[in-house]
């Protein structure tokens, strides 16, 4: 008798069943993403404060930084920044050393989920390389800020691990900590604004 295949799907609060190995846009709901990201802690939870610093908060910060660095950038690319870590609503946020240890399969799962999420919300499955660089720059600035302000890194160590070409923007940014429910609502609000600006439909 053939072995029973292992379950590769997860039931979402929306009622959707998301296949982690073969995700489709029809099984993606923004409420599931916002809820999941608001309860996933950055830095494995090793941050200061009374609340974990969630991936939802990080995503909002990265989107804000992208807009500050690139005034007038299209709303769809700001949406891409807001959703840049969206797969973590089901696969969690792993620090870089763990991702490296897991190897290519983690990356492939992330890519499949990203493509499904992008299609669901009217973005290209693969973001143009120039836009990816801009989002990555914003992501690195966020990581540098988080490292120093809430993750216990000394400034010299953070500079070495998260080097920046221009540090001026750091002086106008501040980490925000708030309960998961508030982070979830802020994420959904910003998502709605960007979808409206881009003429999309959730």
Foldseek 3Di string as FASTA:
>chain_A
DDDDDDQQWDQFPVRATARLVAGALVRDDLLLLLLLQLPFAPPNQQWDDPFGQGNLLLLVQLLVLLCVVPPPPALLLSLCSSCVVSVCSPVGDDPPVVDVVVPDVVVVSSLNVQLNNQVNWVHHSDDDPVSVVSSVLSSLLSVLLRCPQINPDDNVVSCVVRPHPDNVVSVVDDRDDDHSVVSSVVSVVSSVVSCVSNVTDD
